[in-house]
Every structure is written in structure tokens, then in C-alpha cells.
Amino acid sequence: MRIFPKLVITSVTALACGAVATMWLPSAKADDQVAAAAAKGRELTTKELDAIYADRTWQWDDGAAYFRARNQMFTAWLNKGTKASYADGRWSVNDQGRLCFRATWYVIGGNSTTSTCFEHRSDDKAIYQRKLPDGQWYVFSHIPAASDDAVQKIQPGDRVSENLRQNKDYVGEHSSKRIGEHSSKRKRPR
């Protein structure tokens, strides 16, 4: 008699786990297929990556980055108002399919330098991209590109400068106010 309730609980648990696994299976299977296609693909060359990024702006939901070809300068802005930030640095590509940028990001009251890299591969049907070191592969662009591909967010020219200047001004102005606030709160000797 004791075996029966345990068997029922185990069976119900197995069914529930199976249902959850089945719900996640299509997404996981699609991710696995994209990863497998990327693994079989070849690494994009420096020339191919330059064609995608050089002298272009990568539009983000809340900002943008510009990859200037001359001197491989990288500039970016992110957010507005009290969350405003901007970056200055350099970018590079290599024949192992990597785009990297190293930049100092400035926010109100401070800054930090970070490096970010993306890997690109192609199976001649699509270009796959993932953030390194352990990002998930996704279809960056079909060949030829579809209208809703992520590569469409990369547009010709500098579309960063105006918002970059605004964020620099905002961060600079509010950082100096914060410094002034901190120094005025100091106790003076009596």
C-alpha cells in the first residue's frame, strides 16, 4: 500500500516534468539548431566585418554606437537623463570573426573601462552572432538580409554624435554638481 502513493507521486512528477520539458523543447531545439549551424560555419574575415561595421552606427533600443573607420574610433551613448552615459574608445576586427570594442563609459559621478566582443560565423545561408565569452548564437542576418534581421540595426554613417554630445554635457554638468554637493556637506573645523 505504501508503494502505490509513492508510485502515483513519482508518475505525476514525471508527467509534470515531461510537460515542462516539452514546453521548452521547441525553443531549446531551435537554439541548438542555430548553434549547430554556427559551429559548422566559417569565421567571418576582417574584410567582411569591416563591410558590416566600418563607418556605421549600430542602433540600440536605448542608444547607439558608431564605428569610425579612421583610427578605429568607437563612440556610443546610452540612455538619457539621470541614467545618461557615453563611451569613447577603439574597436577592432580580426580574421577569427571577432568584433571587439574597448571603451571608457562615463556616467554621472564616475567612469569605467570595459571590453566587449562579438563572434560572427557564416554557413553561406546566414551570418550568426553571439556575445563572447558565452552568449547564445542567433541569426544576425540571413543571406540576403531579411527586413527584420538584427543587421538592419546597423546603418551607414554617424548617427551618434548629437546624442553623444548631449549625454557628455549632461553627465559633465551633473557630475560637477554632485562634486559640489559633496564638498558643501563637509564639516568645517570650528
C-alpha atoms as a PDB file:
ATOM      1  CA  MET A   1       0.000   0.000   0.000  1.00  0.00           C
ATOM      2  CA  ARG A   2       2.827   2.408   0.695  1.00  0.00           C
ATOM      3  CA  ILE A   3       4.349   1.775  -2.728  1.00  0.00           C
ATOM      4  CA  PHE A   4       1.190   2.897  -4.540  1.00  0.00           C
ATOM      5  CA  PRO A   5       1.119   6.520  -3.260  1.00  0.00           C
ATOM      6  CA  LYS A   6       4.844   6.828  -3.917  1.00  0.00           C
ATOM      7  CA  LEU A   7       4.366   5.409  -7.420  1.00  0.00           C
ATOM      8  CA  VAL A   8       1.493   7.834  -8.109  1.00  0.00           C
ATOM      9  CA  ILE A   9       3.525  10.826  -6.894  1.00  0.00           C
ATOM     10  CA  THR A  10       6.520   9.728  -8.942  1.00  0.00           C
ATOM     11  CA  SER A  11       4.344   9.247 -12.045  1.00  0.00           C
ATOM     12  CA  VAL A  12       2.630  12.619 -11.627  1.00  0.00           C
ATOM     13  CA  THR A  13       6.011  14.298 -11.097  1.00  0.00           C
ATOM     14  CA  ALA A  14       7.402  12.585 -14.208  1.00  0.00           C
ATOM     15  CA  LEU A  15       4.378  13.679 -16.259  1.00  0.00           C
ATOM     16  CA  ALA A  16       4.669  17.253 -14.980  1.00  0.00           C
ATOM     17  CA  CYS A  17       8.401  17.357 -15.706  1.00  0.00           C
ATOM     18  CA  GLY A  18       7.761  15.873 -19.147  1.00  0.00           C
ATOM     19  CA  ALA A  19       5.162  18.531 -19.888  1.00  0.00           C
ATOM     20  CA  VAL A  20       7.546  21.307 -18.805  1.00  0.00           C
ATOM     21  CA  ALA A  21      10.348  19.794 -20.855  1.00  0.00           C
ATOM     22  CA  THR A  22       8.035  19.560 -23.862  1.00  0.00           C
ATOM     23  CA  MET A  23       7.023  23.207 -23.441  1.00  0.00           C
ATOM     24  CA  TRP A  24      10.686  24.266 -23.524  1.00  0.00           C
ATOM     25  CA  LEU A  25      11.778  21.817 -26.193  1.00  0.00           C
ATOM     26  CA  PRO A  26      10.926  23.830 -29.336  1.00  0.00           C
ATOM     27  CA  SER A  27      12.860  26.880 -28.151  1.00  0.00           C
ATOM     28  CA  ALA A  28      15.790  24.829 -26.908  1.00  0.00           C
ATOM     29  CA  LYS A  29      15.751  22.796 -30.120  1.00  0.00           C
ATOM     30  CA  ALA A  30      15.778  25.956 -32.265  1.00  0.00           C
ATOM     31  CA  ASP A  31      18.656  27.375 -30.204  1.00  0.00           C
ATOM     32  CA  ASP A  32      20.553  24.097 -30.634  1.00  0.00           C
ATOM     33  CA  GLN A  33      19.974  24.188 -34.399  1.00  0.00           C
ATOM     34  CA  VAL A  34      21.284  27.742 -34.647  1.00  0.00           C
ATOM     35  CA  ALA A  35      24.328  26.840 -32.503  1.00  0.00           C
ATOM     36  CA  ALA A  36      24.995  23.761 -34.663  1.00  0.00           C
ATOM     37  CA  ALA A  37      24.751  25.809 -37.874  1.00  0.00           C
ATOM     38  CA  ALA A  38      27.109  28.419 -36.437  1.00  0.00           C
ATOM     39  CA  ALA A  39      29.583  25.735 -35.330  1.00  0.00           C
ATOM     40  CA  LYS A  40      29.671  24.302 -38.865  1.00  0.00           C
ATOM     41  CA  GLY A  41      30.086  27.749 -40.387  1.00  0.00           C
ATOM     42  CA  ARG A  42      33.270  29.603 -41.132  1.00  0.00           C
ATOM     43  CA  GLU A  43      34.557  32.644 -39.266  1.00  0.00           C
ATOM     44  CA  LEU A  44      33.952  35.980 -40.964  1.00  0.00           C
ATOM     45  CA  THR A  45      37.081  37.761 -42.194  1.00  0.00           C
ATOM     46  CA  THR A  46      38.342  41.202 -41.265  1.00  0.00           C
ATOM     47  CA  LYS A  47      37.214  42.462 -44.679  1.00  0.00           C
ATOM     48  CA  GLU A  48      33.682  41.067 -44.180  1.00  0.00           C
ATOM     49  CA  LEU A  49      33.397  42.533 -40.680  1.00  0.00           C
ATOM     50  CA  ASP A  50      34.659  45.924 -41.877  1.00  0.00           C
ATOM     51  CA  ALA A  51      31.940  45.862 -44.553  1.00  0.00           C
ATOM     52  CA  ILE A  52      29.343  45.405 -41.801  1.00  0.00           C
ATOM     53  CA  TYR A  53      30.661  47.853 -39.166  1.00  0.00           C
ATOM     54  CA  ALA A  54      33.154  50.418 -40.545  1.00  0.00           C
ATOM     55  CA  ASP A  55      31.731  53.956 -40.652  1.00  0.00           C
ATOM     56  CA  ARG A  56      28.347  52.669 -39.485  1.00  0.00           C
ATOM     57  CA  THR A  57      26.109  53.131 -36.475  1.00  0.00           C
ATOM     58  CA  TRP A  58      24.651  50.216 -34.517  1.00  0.00           C
ATOM     59  CA  GLN A  59      21.244  51.375 -33.260  1.00  0.00           C
ATOM     60  CA  TRP A  60      20.223  50.023 -29.845  1.00  0.00           C
ATOM     61  CA  ASP A  61      16.841  50.284 -28.120  1.00  0.00           C
ATOM     62  CA  ASP A  62      18.185  52.961 -25.756  1.00  0.00           C
ATOM     63  CA  GLY A  63      21.293  54.262 -27.512  1.00  0.00           C
ATOM     64  CA  ALA A  64      23.748  53.676 -30.346  1.00  0.00           C
ATOM     65  CA  ALA A  65      27.416  53.038 -31.159  1.00  0.00           C
ATOM     66  CA  TYR A  66      29.471  54.417 -34.037  1.00  0.00           C
ATOM     67  CA  PHE A  67      32.437  52.522 -35.523  1.00  0.00           C
ATOM     68  CA  ARG A  68      34.590  55.183 -37.211  1.00  0.00           C
ATOM     69  CA  ALA A  69      36.935  53.589 -39.777  1.00  0.00           C
ATOM     70  CA  ARG A  70      39.643  56.255 -39.425  1.00  0.00           C
ATOM     71  CA  ASN A  71      41.753  55.350 -36.362  1.00  0.00           C
ATOM     72  CA  GLN A  72      39.069  52.762 -35.481  1.00  0.00           C
ATOM     73  CA  MET A  73      37.443  55.130 -33.006  1.00  0.00           C
ATOM     74  CA  PHE A  74      34.417  53.865 -31.078  1.00  0.00           C
ATOM     75  CA  THR A  75      31.839  56.234 -29.605  1.00  0.00           C
ATOM     76  CA  ALA A  76      28.497  55.423 -28.043  1.00  0.00           C
ATOM     77  CA  TRP A  77      25.705  56.842 -25.943  1.00  0.00           C
ATOM     78  CA  LEU A  78      23.182  55.078 -23.767  1.00  0.00           C
ATOM     79  CA  ASN A  79      20.020  56.289 -22.022  1.00  0.00           C
ATOM     80  CA  LYS A  80      19.018  59.856 -21.240  1.00  0.00           C
ATOM     81  CA  GLY A  81      18.539  61.992 -18.139  1.00  0.00           C
ATOM     82  CA  THR A  82      19.809  60.669 -14.823  1.00  0.00           C
ATOM     83  CA  LYS A  83      20.806  57.357 -16.466  1.00  0.00           C
ATOM     84  CA  ALA A  84      22.718  59.054 -19.293  1.00  0.00           C
ATOM     85  CA  SER A  85      26.098  57.628 -20.244  1.00  0.00           C
ATOM     86  CA  TYR A  86      28.552  57.834 -23.113  1.00  0.00           C
ATOM     87  CA  ALA A  87      31.665  55.991 -24.240  1.00  0.00           C
ATOM     88  CA  ASP A  88      34.913  56.767 -26.015  1.00  0.00           C
ATOM     89  CA  GLY A  89      37.317  54.081 -27.150  1.00  0.00           C
ATOM     90  CA  ARG A  90      38.511  51.923 -30.018  1.00  0.00           C
ATOM     91  CA  TRP A  91      37.170  48.968 -31.963  1.00  0.00           C
ATOM     92  CA  SER A  92      38.834  46.155 -33.873  1.00  0.00           C
ATOM     93  CA  VAL A  93      38.020  43.135 -36.008  1.00  0.00           C
ATOM     94  CA  ASN A  94      40.042  40.037 -36.877  1.00  0.00           C
ATOM     95  CA  ASP A  95      40.014  37.020 -39.169  1.00  0.00           C
ATOM     96  CA  GLN A  96      38.607  34.848 -36.371  1.00  0.00           C
ATOM     97  CA  GLY A  97      35.241  36.558 -36.871  1.00  0.00           C
ATOM     98  CA  ARG A  98      35.548  38.860 -33.870  1.00  0.00           C
ATOM     99  CA  LEU A  99      34.422  42.426 -33.415  1.00  0.00           C
ATOM    100  CA  CYS A 100      35.673  43.941 -30.156  1.00  0.00           C
ATOM    101  CA  PHE A 101      35.440  47.380 -28.633  1.00  0.00           C
ATOM    102  CA  ARG A 102      37.232  48.699 -25.587  1.00  0.00           C
ATOM    103  CA  ALA A 103      35.846  51.934 -24.236  1.00  0.00           C
ATOM    104  CA  THR A 104      35.605  54.078 -21.158  1.00  0.00           C
ATOM    105  CA  TRP A 105      31.971  54.592 -20.201  1.00  0.00           C
ATOM    106  CA  TYR A 106      31.137  57.801 -18.358  1.00  0.00           C
ATOM    107  CA  VAL A 107      28.150  58.222 -16.047  1.00  0.00           C
ATOM    108  CA  ILE A 108      27.207  60.853 -13.507  1.00  0.00           C
ATOM    109  CA  GLY A 109      29.925  60.732 -10.866  1.00  0.00           C
ATOM    110  CA  GLY A 110      32.299  58.218 -12.446  1.00  0.00           C
ATOM    111  CA  ASN A 111      33.568  56.043 -15.263  1.00  0.00           C
ATOM    112  CA  SER A 112      34.815  52.555 -16.015  1.00  0.00           C
ATOM    113  CA  THR A 113      36.597  50.896 -18.890  1.00  0.00           C
ATOM    114  CA  THR A 114      35.147  47.730 -20.401  1.00  0.00           C
ATOM    115  CA  SER A 115      35.853  45.417 -23.314  1.00  0.00           C
ATOM    116  CA  THR A 116      33.087  43.742 -25.278  1.00  0.00           C
ATOM    117  CA  CYS A 117      33.464  41.215 -28.096  1.00  0.00           C
ATOM    118  CA  PHE A 118      31.100  39.531 -30.541  1.00  0.00           C
ATOM    119  CA  GLU A 119      31.833  36.468 -32.644  1.00  0.00           C
ATOM    120  CA  HIS A 120      30.497  36.093 -36.194  1.00  0.00           C
ATOM    121  CA  ARG A 121      30.245  32.942 -38.318  1.00  0.00           C
ATOM    122  CA  SER A 122      28.526  32.108 -41.598  1.00  0.00           C
ATOM    123  CA  ASP A 123      27.291  28.960 -43.336  1.00  0.00           C
ATOM    124  CA  ASP A 124      26.594  30.981 -46.524  1.00  0.00           C
ATOM    125  CA  LYS A 125      22.861  30.882 -45.703  1.00  0.00           C
ATOM    126  CA  ALA A 126      23.097  33.192 -42.696  1.00  0.00           C
ATOM    127  CA  ILE A 127      25.503  35.148 -40.517  1.00  0.00           C
ATOM    128  CA  TYR A 128      25.390  34.108 -36.861  1.00  0.00           C
ATOM    129  CA  GLN A 129      26.453  36.298 -33.967  1.00  0.00           C
ATOM    130  CA  ARG A 130      26.988  35.809 -30.253  1.00  0.00           C
ATOM    131  CA  LYS A 131      28.407  37.919 -27.470  1.00  0.00           C
ATOM    132  CA  LEU A 132      31.608  36.493 -26.038  1.00  0.00           C
ATOM    133  CA  PRO A 133      32.519  34.690 -23.923  1.00  0.00           C
ATOM    134  CA  ASP A 134      29.338  32.633 -23.560  1.00  0.00           C
ATOM    135  CA  GLY A 135      26.455  34.350 -25.311  1.00  0.00           C
ATOM    136  CA  GLN A 136      23.863  32.376 -27.237  1.00  0.00           C
ATOM    137  CA  TRP A 137      24.167  32.201 -31.027  1.00  0.00           C
ATOM    138  CA  TYR A 138      21.411  33.849 -33.042  1.00  0.00           C
ATOM    139  CA  VAL A 139      20.784  34.648 -36.690  1.00  0.00           C
ATOM    140  CA  PHE A 140      22.296  38.092 -37.161  1.00  0.00           C
ATOM    141  CA  SER A 141      21.498  38.214 -40.871  1.00  0.00           C
ATOM    142  CA  HIS A 142      20.079  35.924 -43.486  1.00  0.00           C
ATOM    143  CA  ILE A 143      21.859  35.921 -46.857  1.00  0.00           C
ATOM    144  CA  PRO A 144      20.405  38.017 -48.417  1.00  0.00           C
ATOM    145  CA  ALA A 145      19.320  40.016 -45.360  1.00  0.00           C
ATOM    146  CA  ALA A 146      15.665  39.976 -44.352  1.00  0.00           C
ATOM    147  CA  SER A 147      13.914  43.192 -43.301  1.00  0.00           C
ATOM    148  CA  ASP A 148      13.678  42.087 -39.642  1.00  0.00           C
ATOM    149  CA  ASP A 149      17.272  40.818 -39.247  1.00  0.00           C
ATOM    150  CA  ALA A 150      19.394  42.320 -36.476  1.00  0.00           C
ATOM    151  CA  VAL A 151      21.926  43.520 -39.063  1.00  0.00           C
ATOM    152  CA  GLN A 152      19.306  46.069 -40.189  1.00  0.00           C
ATOM    153  CA  LYS A 153      20.012  47.990 -36.949  1.00  0.00           C
ATOM    154  CA  ILE A 154      23.440  48.850 -38.369  1.00  0.00           C
ATOM    155  CA  GLN A 155      23.037  51.938 -40.524  1.00  0.00           C
ATOM    156  CA  PRO A 156      25.531  53.873 -42.670  1.00  0.00           C
ATOM    157  CA  GLY A 157      27.114  56.991 -41.212  1.00  0.00           C
ATOM    158  CA  ASP A 158      27.493  58.637 -37.840  1.00  0.00           C
ATOM    159  CA  ARG A 159      24.131  58.717 -36.097  1.00  0.00           C
ATOM    160  CA  VAL A 160      25.690  59.056 -32.644  1.00  0.00           C
ATOM    161  CA  SER A 161      27.335  62.483 -32.411  1.00  0.00           C
ATOM    162  CA  GLU A 162      24.340  64.625 -31.459  1.00  0.00           C
ATOM    163  CA  ASN A 163      23.114  62.360 -28.618  1.00  0.00           C
ATOM    164  CA  LEU A 164      26.721  61.701 -27.578  1.00  0.00           C
ATOM    165  CA  ARG A 165      27.301  65.455 -27.175  1.00  0.00           C
ATOM    166  CA  GLN A 166      24.054  65.846 -25.232  1.00  0.00           C
ATOM    167  CA  ASN A 167      24.979  62.986 -22.871  1.00  0.00           C
ATOM    168  CA  LYS A 168      28.525  64.346 -22.413  1.00  0.00           C
ATOM    169  CA  ASP A 169      27.104  67.745 -21.498  1.00  0.00           C
ATOM    170  CA  TYR A 170      24.508  66.239 -19.143  1.00  0.00           C
ATOM    171  CA  VAL A 171      26.961  63.889 -17.410  1.00  0.00           C
ATOM    172  CA  GLY A 172      29.583  66.636 -17.103  1.00  0.00           C
ATOM    173  CA  GLU A 173      27.132  69.179 -15.698  1.00  0.00           C
ATOM    174  CA  HIS A 174      25.561  66.801 -13.190  1.00  0.00           C
ATOM    175  CA  SER A 175      28.880  65.247 -12.160  1.00  0.00           C
ATOM    176  CA  SER A 176      30.241  68.688 -11.242  1.00  0.00           C
ATOM    177  CA  LYS A 177      27.044  69.433  -9.276  1.00  0.00           C
ATOM    178  CA  ARG A 178      27.496  66.162  -7.360  1.00  0.00           C
ATOM    179  CA  ILE A 179      31.081  67.060  -6.566  1.00  0.00           C
ATOM    180  CA  GLY A 180      29.889  70.477  -5.366  1.00  0.00           C
ATOM    181  CA  GLU A 181      27.204  68.847  -3.201  1.00  0.00           C
ATOM    182  CA  HIS A 182      29.728  66.526  -1.598  1.00  0.00           C
ATOM    183  CA  SER A 183      32.187  69.296  -0.831  1.00  0.00           C
ATOM    184  CA  SER A 184      29.489  71.560   0.660  1.00  0.00           C
ATOM    185  CA  LYS A 185      28.382  68.786   3.021  1.00  0.00           C
ATOM    186  CA  ARG A 186      31.806  68.552   4.631  1.00  0.00           C
ATOM    187  CA  LYS A 187      32.008  69.696   8.191  1.00  0.00           C
ATOM    188  CA  ARG A 188      34.157  72.728   8.739  1.00  0.00           C
ATOM    189  CA  PRO A 189      36.541  72.853  11.674  1.00  0.00           C
ATOM    190  CA  ARG A 190      35.427  75.179  14.498  1.00  0.00           C
END
